[in-house]
C-alpha cells in the first residue's frame, strides 16, 4: 500500500499569496525542513526574509495524489499558480524528486568557470551548505525585488547586486573549503 502524496503551498502571511508549491508524504517534517533551510536558494531567502520579521510561512495542503500522479499534479499547481499571479520561488516547473541536483544547477550560474570543478569536488553536504548560506545573502535583495514586483518591474541593479554578492560568497566558500577550513557563515541580516 503506497502512502498519499500531498501537494502543498507555502503562503506568505503578509500578502496571503503562495510563494512555493511542493510535494511531500510528511507535511510536518517537510515544513520543518523548509524552516531550517534547504537547497532552493530563492525559497530559503524568502523564508529567511520572513524570519527576520518574526514571521513564518503557512503550509496549505492543496491536493492529495498517489506516487504515480503527484508529478503531473504538482506541475499543474505550479502552472496554475503562476497564471494566478503567485510570485513562486520554485526552481523548476515541478515533478522532480531530486532538489539537490536542480538547485546545484541553478547555483552553477553564479560560479566562475575556473571554480566549477572545485565546486563539484565538494561533498553533497558542503554544496547544500553553500546553497543555504547563499540564500541568506540573497534574502534582502529578494525582499526588495518582491516589494517592487507589487508595483511594477523590479530594478535590475538590485538583481545584479544580489548576483554579485552570491558570486563573491560562493568563490570564497569554495576556496575556504578547498583549503580544509570551515565554511564561512553568513549573518541572517546580511
N, C-alpha and C. Protein backbone atom coordinates (compact mmCIF):
# COMPACT_ATOMS: atom_id res chain seq x y z
N UNK A 1 0.85 -1.18 0.00
CA UNK A 1 0.00 0.00 0.00
C UNK A 1 0.90 1.25 0.00
N UNK A 2 0.68 2.13 -0.99
CA UNK A 2 1.53 3.31 -1.06
C UNK A 2 0.92 4.46 -0.25
N UNK A 3 1.81 5.31 0.23
CA UNK A 3 1.36 6.46 1.02
C UNK A 3 0.82 7.56 0.11
N UNK A 4 -0.08 8.35 0.67
CA UNK A 4 -0.56 9.53 -0.05
C UNK A 4 0.58 10.52 -0.21
N UNK A 5 0.55 11.23 -1.32
CA UNK A 5 1.50 12.32 -1.56
C UNK A 5 0.69 13.60 -1.55
N UNK A 6 1.14 14.56 -0.76
CA UNK A 6 0.43 15.82 -0.62
C UNK A 6 1.11 16.90 -1.45
N UNK A 7 0.32 17.59 -2.25
CA UNK A 7 0.79 18.78 -2.94
C UNK A 7 0.41 19.95 -2.04
N UNK A 8 1.39 20.77 -1.70
CA UNK A 8 1.15 21.84 -0.73
C UNK A 8 1.68 23.17 -1.24
N UNK A 9 1.20 24.21 -0.63
CA UNK A 9 1.69 25.55 -0.91
C UNK A 9 2.19 26.19 0.36
N UNK A 10 3.20 27.03 0.23
CA UNK A 10 3.68 27.84 1.35
C UNK A 10 3.19 29.26 1.11
N UNK A 11 2.37 29.73 2.04
CA UNK A 11 1.71 31.03 1.90
C UNK A 11 2.42 32.08 2.75
N UNK A 12 2.59 33.26 2.20
CA UNK A 12 3.19 34.38 2.91
C UNK A 12 2.09 35.04 3.76
N UNK A 13 2.30 35.14 5.09
CA UNK A 13 1.26 35.72 5.94
C UNK A 13 1.05 37.22 5.69
N UNK A 14 2.00 37.87 5.02
CA UNK A 14 1.88 39.31 4.79
C UNK A 14 0.89 39.64 3.68
N UNK A 15 0.93 38.86 2.60
CA UNK A 15 0.06 39.20 1.48
C UNK A 15 -0.91 38.08 1.10
N UNK A 16 -0.81 36.92 1.78
CA UNK A 16 -1.72 35.82 1.51
C UNK A 16 -1.45 35.06 0.23
N UNK A 17 -0.35 35.38 -0.46
CA UNK A 17 -0.02 34.69 -1.71
C UNK A 17 0.85 33.48 -1.44
N UNK A 18 0.76 32.50 -2.31
CA UNK A 18 1.59 31.31 -2.21
C UNK A 18 2.89 31.57 -2.95
N UNK A 19 4.01 31.30 -2.26
CA UNK A 19 5.34 31.57 -2.81
C UNK A 19 6.08 30.28 -3.19
N UNK A 20 5.50 29.14 -2.83
CA UNK A 20 6.16 27.87 -3.16
C UNK A 20 5.12 26.77 -3.20
N UNK A 21 5.24 25.89 -4.21
CA UNK A 21 4.41 24.70 -4.31
C UNK A 21 5.34 23.50 -4.29
N UNK A 22 5.01 22.50 -3.47
CA UNK A 22 5.85 21.31 -3.38
C UNK A 22 5.03 20.07 -3.13
N UNK A 23 5.74 18.96 -2.92
CA UNK A 23 5.08 17.69 -2.61
C UNK A 23 5.77 17.04 -1.44
N UNK A 24 5.02 16.26 -0.68
CA UNK A 24 5.58 15.56 0.46
C UNK A 24 4.67 14.41 0.87
N UNK A 25 5.24 13.44 1.58
CA UNK A 25 4.41 12.42 2.22
C UNK A 25 4.33 12.69 3.72
N UNK A 26 5.12 13.70 4.18
CA UNK A 26 5.18 14.04 5.60
C UNK A 26 5.11 15.56 5.75
N UNK A 27 3.91 16.13 5.75
CA UNK A 27 3.80 17.59 5.80
C UNK A 27 4.52 18.25 6.97
N UNK A 28 4.39 17.70 8.19
CA UNK A 28 5.06 18.32 9.34
C UNK A 28 6.58 18.34 9.19
N UNK A 29 7.13 17.20 8.80
CA UNK A 29 8.57 17.10 8.62
C UNK A 29 9.08 17.99 7.50
N UNK A 30 8.33 18.05 6.40
CA UNK A 30 8.76 18.88 5.27
C UNK A 30 8.70 20.35 5.64
N UNK A 31 7.67 20.75 6.38
CA UNK A 31 7.55 22.14 6.79
C UNK A 31 8.76 22.53 7.65
N UNK A 32 9.15 21.65 8.57
CA UNK A 32 10.32 21.91 9.40
C UNK A 32 11.57 22.05 8.55
N UNK A 33 11.71 21.20 7.52
CA UNK A 33 12.85 21.31 6.60
C UNK A 33 12.89 22.68 5.95
N UNK A 34 11.73 23.17 5.54
CA UNK A 34 11.67 24.50 4.91
C UNK A 34 12.16 25.56 5.89
N UNK A 35 11.72 25.48 7.14
CA UNK A 35 12.11 26.49 8.12
C UNK A 35 13.60 26.41 8.45
N UNK A 36 14.17 25.22 8.38
CA UNK A 36 15.60 25.04 8.66
C UNK A 36 16.48 25.47 7.50
N UNK A 37 15.90 25.63 6.32
CA UNK A 37 16.66 26.00 5.14
C UNK A 37 17.01 24.77 4.34
N UNK A 38 16.85 24.87 3.03
CA UNK A 38 17.23 23.77 2.16
C UNK A 38 17.90 24.30 0.92
N UNK A 39 17.94 23.51 -0.12
CA UNK A 39 18.75 23.83 -1.29
C UNK A 39 18.16 24.85 -2.25
N UNK A 40 16.88 25.16 -2.14
CA UNK A 40 16.28 26.12 -3.05
C UNK A 40 16.59 27.52 -2.52
N UNK A 41 17.55 28.17 -3.15
CA UNK A 41 18.05 29.45 -2.65
C UNK A 41 16.97 30.52 -2.60
N UNK A 42 16.13 30.61 -3.64
CA UNK A 42 15.10 31.65 -3.67
C UNK A 42 14.07 31.45 -2.56
N UNK A 43 13.63 30.21 -2.38
CA UNK A 43 12.65 29.92 -1.34
C UNK A 43 13.24 30.16 0.04
N UNK A 44 14.46 29.69 0.24
CA UNK A 44 15.11 29.87 1.53
C UNK A 44 15.30 31.35 1.83
N UNK A 45 15.64 32.13 0.82
CA UNK A 45 15.80 33.58 1.02
C UNK A 45 14.47 34.21 1.44
N UNK A 46 13.38 33.79 0.81
CA UNK A 46 12.06 34.32 1.17
C UNK A 46 11.72 33.95 2.61
N UNK A 47 11.97 32.68 2.99
CA UNK A 47 11.66 32.25 4.36
C UNK A 47 12.56 32.99 5.36
N UNK A 48 13.82 33.21 5.00
CA UNK A 48 14.72 33.99 5.87
C UNK A 48 14.20 35.42 6.02
N UNK A 49 13.68 35.98 4.94
CA UNK A 49 13.12 37.33 4.99
C UNK A 49 11.94 37.37 5.96
N UNK A 50 11.11 36.33 5.93
CA UNK A 50 10.01 36.25 6.90
C UNK A 50 10.56 36.14 8.32
N UNK A 51 11.56 35.28 8.51
CA UNK A 51 12.12 35.04 9.84
C UNK A 51 12.69 36.33 10.44
N UNK A 52 13.32 37.14 9.62
CA UNK A 52 13.88 38.41 10.08
C UNK A 52 12.78 39.28 10.69
N UNK A 53 11.57 39.13 10.17
CA UNK A 53 10.41 39.91 10.64
C UNK A 53 9.59 39.17 11.69
N UNK A 54 10.11 38.03 12.16
CA UNK A 54 9.41 37.27 13.18
C UNK A 54 8.21 36.49 12.64
N UNK A 55 8.21 36.19 11.35
CA UNK A 55 7.08 35.50 10.72
C UNK A 55 7.51 34.15 10.17
N UNK A 56 6.53 33.31 9.85
CA UNK A 56 6.74 32.02 9.21
C UNK A 56 5.71 31.88 8.10
N UNK A 57 6.05 31.11 7.05
CA UNK A 57 5.02 30.82 6.06
C UNK A 57 3.98 29.87 6.65
N UNK A 58 2.85 29.80 6.00
CA UNK A 58 1.80 28.84 6.40
C UNK A 58 1.75 27.75 5.34
N UNK A 59 1.71 26.48 5.75
CA UNK A 59 1.61 25.38 4.80
C UNK A 59 0.15 25.03 4.58
N UNK A 60 -0.27 25.02 3.32
CA UNK A 60 -1.63 24.66 2.95
C UNK A 60 -1.58 23.40 2.09
N UNK A 61 -2.37 22.39 2.41
CA UNK A 61 -2.46 21.21 1.55
C UNK A 61 -3.40 21.57 0.40
N UNK A 62 -2.87 21.54 -0.81
CA UNK A 62 -3.64 21.93 -1.99
C UNK A 62 -4.35 20.74 -2.62
N UNK A 63 -3.72 19.55 -2.57
CA UNK A 63 -4.30 18.36 -3.19
C UNK A 63 -3.62 17.11 -2.64
N UNK A 64 -4.26 15.99 -2.83
CA UNK A 64 -3.69 14.69 -2.46
C UNK A 64 -3.53 13.88 -3.73
N UNK A 65 -2.38 13.21 -3.86
CA UNK A 65 -2.07 12.44 -5.07
C UNK A 65 -1.51 11.07 -4.68
N UNK A 66 -1.21 10.28 -5.67
CA UNK A 66 -0.55 8.99 -5.47
C UNK A 66 0.91 9.13 -5.93
N UNK A 67 1.69 8.09 -5.70
CA UNK A 67 3.08 8.10 -6.15
C UNK A 67 3.16 8.27 -7.67
N UNK A 68 2.17 7.79 -8.39
CA UNK A 68 2.18 7.90 -9.86
C UNK A 68 1.68 9.26 -10.35
N UNK A 69 0.73 9.84 -9.63
CA UNK A 69 0.09 11.06 -10.16
C UNK A 69 0.67 12.36 -9.64
N UNK A 70 1.52 12.32 -8.59
CA UNK A 70 1.97 13.58 -8.00
C UNK A 70 2.77 14.47 -8.96
N UNK A 71 3.67 13.91 -9.83
CA UNK A 71 4.43 14.83 -10.68
C UNK A 71 3.55 15.73 -11.56
N UNK A 72 2.55 15.13 -12.20
CA UNK A 72 1.66 15.92 -13.06
C UNK A 72 0.84 16.91 -12.24
N UNK A 73 0.38 16.47 -11.07
CA UNK A 73 -0.43 17.35 -10.22
C UNK A 73 0.40 18.52 -9.68
N UNK A 74 1.63 18.27 -9.29
CA UNK A 74 2.49 19.36 -8.82
C UNK A 74 2.74 20.36 -9.95
N UNK A 75 3.05 19.86 -11.14
CA UNK A 75 3.27 20.76 -12.30
C UNK A 75 2.03 21.60 -12.57
N UNK A 76 0.84 20.98 -12.46
CA UNK A 76 -0.41 21.71 -12.70
C UNK A 76 -0.58 22.84 -11.68
N UNK A 77 -0.33 22.56 -10.40
CA UNK A 77 -0.47 23.61 -9.38
C UNK A 77 0.53 24.73 -9.60
N UNK A 78 1.75 24.40 -9.99
CA UNK A 78 2.74 25.45 -10.25
C UNK A 78 2.31 26.29 -11.45
N UNK A 79 1.91 25.62 -12.52
CA UNK A 79 1.46 26.34 -13.73
C UNK A 79 0.25 27.23 -13.41
N UNK A 80 -0.75 26.65 -12.74
CA UNK A 80 -1.96 27.43 -12.40
C UNK A 80 -1.63 28.58 -11.45
N UNK A 81 -0.73 28.33 -10.49
CA UNK A 81 -0.33 29.38 -9.56
C UNK A 81 0.32 30.55 -10.28
N UNK A 82 1.20 30.25 -11.22
CA UNK A 82 1.84 31.32 -11.98
C UNK A 82 0.81 32.11 -12.78
N UNK A 83 -0.15 31.39 -13.35
CA UNK A 83 -1.22 32.07 -14.11
C UNK A 83 -2.07 32.96 -13.21
N UNK A 84 -2.20 32.58 -11.92
CA UNK A 84 -2.97 33.40 -10.97
C UNK A 84 -2.14 34.54 -10.38
N UNK A 85 -0.87 34.60 -10.75
CA UNK A 85 -0.03 35.69 -10.26
C UNK A 85 0.72 35.41 -8.98
N UNK A 86 0.80 34.14 -8.56
CA UNK A 86 1.59 33.83 -7.38
C UNK A 86 3.07 34.07 -7.67
N UNK A 87 3.79 34.75 -6.80
CA UNK A 87 5.22 35.00 -7.01
C UNK A 87 6.06 33.78 -6.57
N UNK A 88 5.89 32.68 -7.28
CA UNK A 88 6.51 31.42 -6.87
C UNK A 88 8.03 31.48 -6.90
N UNK A 89 8.63 30.86 -5.89
CA UNK A 89 10.09 30.77 -5.80
C UNK A 89 10.58 29.39 -6.25
N UNK A 90 9.69 28.58 -6.81
CA UNK A 90 10.09 27.25 -7.28
C UNK A 90 11.22 27.37 -8.30
N UNK A 91 12.18 26.45 -8.20
CA UNK A 91 13.32 26.45 -9.10
C UNK A 91 12.98 25.83 -10.46
N UNK A 92 11.93 25.00 -10.50
CA UNK A 92 11.56 24.32 -11.74
C UNK A 92 10.04 24.33 -11.87
N UNK A 93 9.59 23.70 -12.94
CA UNK A 93 8.15 23.63 -13.18
C UNK A 93 7.50 22.46 -12.44
N UNK A 94 8.27 21.74 -11.61
CA UNK A 94 7.71 20.69 -10.77
C UNK A 94 7.89 19.30 -11.34
N UNK A 95 7.55 18.31 -10.50
CA UNK A 95 7.59 16.93 -10.92
C UNK A 95 8.92 16.23 -10.70
N UNK A 96 9.91 16.93 -10.17
CA UNK A 96 11.20 16.31 -9.89
C UNK A 96 11.25 15.85 -8.44
N UNK A 97 12.12 14.88 -8.18
CA UNK A 97 12.26 14.44 -6.80
C UNK A 97 13.65 14.70 -6.25
N UNK A 98 14.57 15.20 -7.06
CA UNK A 98 15.93 15.43 -6.60
C UNK A 98 16.22 16.93 -6.57
N UNK A 99 15.84 17.59 -5.46
CA UNK A 99 16.03 19.04 -5.41
C UNK A 99 17.48 19.44 -5.27
N UNK A 100 18.34 18.60 -4.71
CA UNK A 100 19.75 18.97 -4.62
C UNK A 100 20.34 19.13 -6.01
N UNK A 101 20.00 18.24 -6.92
CA UNK A 101 20.54 18.33 -8.28
C UNK A 101 20.07 19.61 -8.97
N UNK A 102 18.77 19.90 -8.92
CA UNK A 102 18.28 21.07 -9.65
C UNK A 102 18.80 22.37 -9.06
N UNK A 103 18.93 22.43 -7.73
CA UNK A 103 19.43 23.66 -7.14
C UNK A 103 20.93 23.82 -7.36
N UNK A 104 21.65 22.70 -7.47
CA UNK A 104 23.06 22.78 -7.82
C UNK A 104 23.20 23.39 -9.20
N UNK A 105 22.35 22.98 -10.12
CA UNK A 105 22.38 23.52 -11.48
C UNK A 105 22.12 25.03 -11.46
N UNK A 106 21.17 25.47 -10.64
CA UNK A 106 20.88 26.90 -10.54
C UNK A 106 22.08 27.65 -9.96
N UNK A 107 22.66 27.12 -8.88
CA UNK A 107 23.78 27.79 -8.25
C UNK A 107 24.99 27.86 -9.18
N UNK A 108 25.14 26.88 -10.08
CA UNK A 108 26.26 26.89 -11.02
C UNK A 108 26.32 28.16 -11.85
N UNK A 109 25.19 28.82 -12.04
CA UNK A 109 25.17 30.07 -12.79
C UNK A 109 26.01 31.15 -12.11
N UNK A 110 26.23 31.02 -10.80
CA UNK A 110 26.95 32.03 -10.03
C UNK A 110 28.39 31.62 -9.72
N UNK A 111 28.84 30.55 -10.35
CA UNK A 111 30.18 30.05 -10.07
C UNK A 111 31.05 30.29 -11.29
N UNK A 112 32.18 30.95 -11.09
CA UNK A 112 33.11 31.19 -12.19
C UNK A 112 33.57 29.84 -12.74
N UNK A 113 33.80 29.79 -14.05
CA UNK A 113 34.18 28.53 -14.69
C UNK A 113 35.40 27.89 -14.04
N UNK A 114 36.37 28.70 -13.62
CA UNK A 114 37.58 28.12 -13.03
C UNK A 114 37.31 27.52 -11.65
N UNK A 115 36.16 27.81 -11.06
CA UNK A 115 35.81 27.28 -9.74
C UNK A 115 34.82 26.10 -9.83
N UNK A 116 34.23 25.89 -10.99
CA UNK A 116 33.18 24.89 -11.14
C UNK A 116 33.67 23.48 -10.81
N UNK A 117 34.84 23.12 -11.27
CA UNK A 117 35.38 21.79 -10.96
C UNK A 117 35.53 21.62 -9.46
N UNK A 118 36.09 22.63 -8.78
CA UNK A 118 36.27 22.55 -7.33
C UNK A 118 34.92 22.41 -6.61
N UNK A 119 33.90 23.11 -7.11
CA UNK A 119 32.57 23.02 -6.51
C UNK A 119 32.07 21.58 -6.58
N UNK A 120 32.24 20.93 -7.72
CA UNK A 120 31.73 19.57 -7.87
C UNK A 120 32.56 18.54 -7.11
N UNK A 121 33.75 18.92 -6.67
CA UNK A 121 34.56 18.02 -5.85
C UNK A 121 34.13 18.04 -4.39
N UNK A 122 33.34 19.04 -4.01
CA UNK A 122 32.85 19.13 -2.63
C UNK A 122 31.80 18.06 -2.37
N UNK A 123 31.64 17.71 -1.12
CA UNK A 123 30.61 16.75 -0.74
C UNK A 123 29.23 17.37 -0.96
N UNK A 124 28.22 16.51 -1.07
CA UNK A 124 26.84 16.99 -1.23
C UNK A 124 26.45 17.89 -0.06
N UNK A 125 26.90 17.54 1.15
CA UNK A 125 26.53 18.36 2.31
C UNK A 125 27.18 19.74 2.23
N UNK A 126 28.42 19.83 1.72
CA UNK A 126 29.05 21.14 1.56
C UNK A 126 28.36 21.96 0.47
N UNK A 127 27.99 21.30 -0.63
CA UNK A 127 27.28 22.03 -1.70
C UNK A 127 25.95 22.55 -1.17
N UNK A 128 25.25 21.72 -0.39
CA UNK A 128 23.97 22.16 0.19
C UNK A 128 24.20 23.33 1.14
N UNK A 129 25.22 23.24 1.98
CA UNK A 129 25.51 24.32 2.93
C UNK A 129 25.81 25.63 2.20
N UNK A 130 26.54 25.55 1.10
CA UNK A 130 26.83 26.76 0.31
C UNK A 130 25.53 27.35 -0.22
N UNK A 131 24.61 26.49 -0.66
CA UNK A 131 23.33 26.99 -1.18
C UNK A 131 22.51 27.66 -0.08
N UNK A 132 22.49 27.06 1.10
CA UNK A 132 21.73 27.64 2.22
C UNK A 132 22.33 28.99 2.61
N UNK A 133 23.65 29.05 2.73
CA UNK A 133 24.30 30.31 3.09
C UNK A 133 24.09 31.36 1.99
N UNK A 134 24.12 30.94 0.73
CA UNK A 134 23.89 31.88 -0.37
C UNK A 134 22.48 32.47 -0.30
N UNK A 135 21.53 31.67 0.14
CA UNK A 135 20.15 32.16 0.28
C UNK A 135 20.07 33.29 1.30
N UNK A 136 20.87 33.21 2.35
CA UNK A 136 20.88 34.28 3.35
C UNK A 136 21.38 35.59 2.74
N UNK A 137 22.31 35.48 1.81
CA UNK A 137 22.83 36.67 1.14
C UNK A 137 21.75 37.27 0.24
N UNK A 138 21.01 36.42 -0.43
CA UNK A 138 20.01 36.87 -1.39
C UNK A 138 18.77 37.47 -0.72
N UNK A 139 18.49 37.07 0.54
CA UNK A 139 17.24 37.46 1.21
C UNK A 139 16.93 38.95 1.14
N UNK A 140 17.86 39.84 1.52
CA UNK A 140 17.48 41.26 1.48
C UNK A 140 17.22 41.77 0.05
N UNK A 141 17.97 41.24 -0.91
CA UNK A 141 17.76 41.65 -2.30
C UNK A 141 16.41 41.14 -2.79
N UNK A 142 16.10 39.89 -2.46
CA UNK A 142 14.83 39.30 -2.86
C UNK A 142 13.67 40.07 -2.25
N UNK A 143 13.80 40.47 -0.99
CA UNK A 143 12.74 41.25 -0.34
C UNK A 143 12.47 42.54 -1.13
N UNK A 144 13.54 43.24 -1.52
CA UNK A 144 13.37 44.47 -2.29
C UNK A 144 12.69 44.19 -3.63
N UNK A 145 13.11 43.11 -4.28
CA UNK A 145 12.55 42.77 -5.59
C UNK A 145 11.07 42.42 -5.45
N UNK A 146 10.72 41.64 -4.43
CA UNK A 146 9.32 41.26 -4.21
C UNK A 146 8.48 42.52 -3.99
N UNK A 147 9.00 43.46 -3.20
CA UNK A 147 8.26 44.71 -2.96
C UNK A 147 8.06 45.47 -4.27
N UNK A 148 9.07 45.48 -5.13
CA UNK A 148 8.97 46.18 -6.41
C UNK A 148 7.98 45.49 -7.35
N UNK A 149 7.95 44.16 -7.33
CA UNK A 149 7.02 43.42 -8.19
C UNK A 149 5.58 43.82 -7.90
N UNK A 150 5.31 44.20 -6.67
CA UNK A 150 3.93 44.54 -6.29
C UNK A 150 3.47 45.83 -6.98
N UNK A 151 4.41 46.68 -7.39
CA UNK A 151 4.05 47.95 -8.01
C UNK A 151 4.51 48.08 -9.45
N UNK A 152 5.31 47.14 -9.93
CA UNK A 152 5.81 47.21 -11.30
C UNK A 152 7.04 46.34 -11.46
N UNK A 153 7.82 46.58 -12.51
CA UNK A 153 9.01 45.74 -12.74
C UNK A 153 10.10 45.98 -11.68
N UNK A 154 10.85 44.92 -11.42
CA UNK A 154 11.94 45.01 -10.44
C UNK A 154 13.14 45.71 -11.04
N UNK A 155 13.89 46.42 -10.22
CA UNK A 155 15.09 47.15 -10.62
C UNK A 155 16.22 46.16 -10.89
N UNK A 156 16.72 46.15 -12.10
CA UNK A 156 17.80 45.21 -12.47
C UNK A 156 19.08 45.47 -11.69
N UNK A 157 19.30 46.68 -11.22
CA UNK A 157 20.51 46.98 -10.44
C UNK A 157 20.50 46.21 -9.13
N UNK A 158 19.33 46.10 -8.50
CA UNK A 158 19.21 45.33 -7.26
C UNK A 158 19.47 43.86 -7.54
N UNK A 159 18.91 43.36 -8.64
CA UNK A 159 19.16 41.96 -9.01
C UNK A 159 20.65 41.72 -9.21
N UNK A 160 21.32 42.64 -9.90
CA UNK A 160 22.76 42.48 -10.18
C UNK A 160 23.57 42.52 -8.88
N UNK A 161 23.19 43.39 -7.93
CA UNK A 161 23.89 43.44 -6.64
C UNK A 161 23.77 42.11 -5.91
N UNK A 162 22.57 41.53 -5.93
CA UNK A 162 22.37 40.23 -5.29
C UNK A 162 23.20 39.15 -5.94
N UNK A 163 23.23 39.13 -7.27
CA UNK A 163 24.01 38.14 -8.01
C UNK A 163 25.49 38.30 -7.70
N UNK A 164 25.98 39.54 -7.69
CA UNK A 164 27.40 39.79 -7.38
C UNK A 164 27.75 39.33 -5.98
N UNK A 165 26.87 39.57 -5.02
CA UNK A 165 27.12 39.16 -3.64
C UNK A 165 27.20 37.64 -3.53
N UNK A 166 26.30 36.94 -4.21
CA UNK A 166 26.32 35.47 -4.19
C UNK A 166 27.58 34.95 -4.88
N UNK A 167 27.93 35.51 -6.04
CA UNK A 167 29.14 35.07 -6.75
C UNK A 167 30.37 35.20 -5.86
N UNK A 168 30.48 36.31 -5.17
CA UNK A 168 31.63 36.56 -4.29
C UNK A 168 31.66 35.54 -3.14
N UNK A 169 30.50 35.31 -2.51
CA UNK A 169 30.45 34.36 -1.40
C UNK A 169 30.81 32.95 -1.86
N UNK A 170 30.23 32.51 -2.98
CA UNK A 170 30.47 31.14 -3.46
C UNK A 170 31.96 30.94 -3.74
N UNK A 171 32.59 31.91 -4.36
CA UNK A 171 34.03 31.78 -4.64
C UNK A 171 34.81 31.66 -3.33
N UNK A 172 34.52 32.52 -2.36
CA UNK A 172 35.20 32.47 -1.06
C UNK A 172 34.95 31.13 -0.37
N UNK A 173 33.71 30.65 -0.41
CA UNK A 173 33.37 29.38 0.24
C UNK A 173 34.12 28.22 -0.38
N UNK A 174 34.18 28.17 -1.71
CA UNK A 174 34.88 27.07 -2.39
C UNK A 174 36.36 27.09 -2.03
N UNK A 175 36.97 28.27 -2.08
CA UNK A 175 38.40 28.38 -1.74
C UNK A 175 38.66 27.99 -0.29
N UNK A 176 37.79 28.42 0.60
CA UNK A 176 37.94 28.11 2.02
C UNK A 176 37.84 26.60 2.26
N UNK A 177 36.83 25.97 1.67
CA UNK A 177 36.65 24.52 1.84
C UNK A 177 37.78 23.74 1.18
N UNK A 178 38.27 24.23 0.06
CA UNK A 178 39.38 23.56 -0.63
C UNK A 178 40.63 23.55 0.25
N UNK A 179 40.79 24.59 1.05
CA UNK A 179 41.94 24.68 1.96
C UNK A 179 41.72 23.87 3.24
N UNK A 180 40.52 23.28 3.38
CA UNK A 180 40.25 22.46 4.55
C UNK A 180 39.69 23.22 5.74
N UNK A 181 39.39 24.50 5.54
CA UNK A 181 38.82 25.30 6.62
C UNK A 181 37.30 25.14 6.66
N UNK A 182 36.68 25.70 7.71
CA UNK A 182 35.23 25.65 7.86
C UNK A 182 34.54 26.60 6.90
N UNK A 183 33.34 26.21 6.48
CA UNK A 183 32.55 27.05 5.59
C UNK A 183 32.22 28.37 6.27
N UNK A 184 32.48 29.50 5.60
CA UNK A 184 32.11 30.79 6.21
C UNK A 184 30.59 30.92 6.31
N UNK A 185 30.13 31.35 7.49
CA UNK A 185 28.68 31.53 7.71
C UNK A 185 28.31 32.97 7.41
N UNK A 186 27.07 33.14 6.95
CA UNK A 186 26.55 34.45 6.62
C UNK A 186 25.58 34.85 7.73
N UNK A 187 25.72 36.06 8.31
CA UNK A 187 24.75 36.50 9.31
C UNK A 187 23.36 36.57 8.68
N UNK A 188 22.32 36.26 9.45
CA UNK A 188 20.96 36.24 8.92
C UNK A 188 20.55 37.61 8.38
N UNK A 189 21.06 38.69 8.94
CA UNK A 189 20.67 40.03 8.47
C UNK A 189 21.63 40.57 7.42
N UNK A 190 22.37 39.70 6.70
CA UNK A 190 23.34 40.14 5.69
C UNK A 190 22.65 40.89 4.58
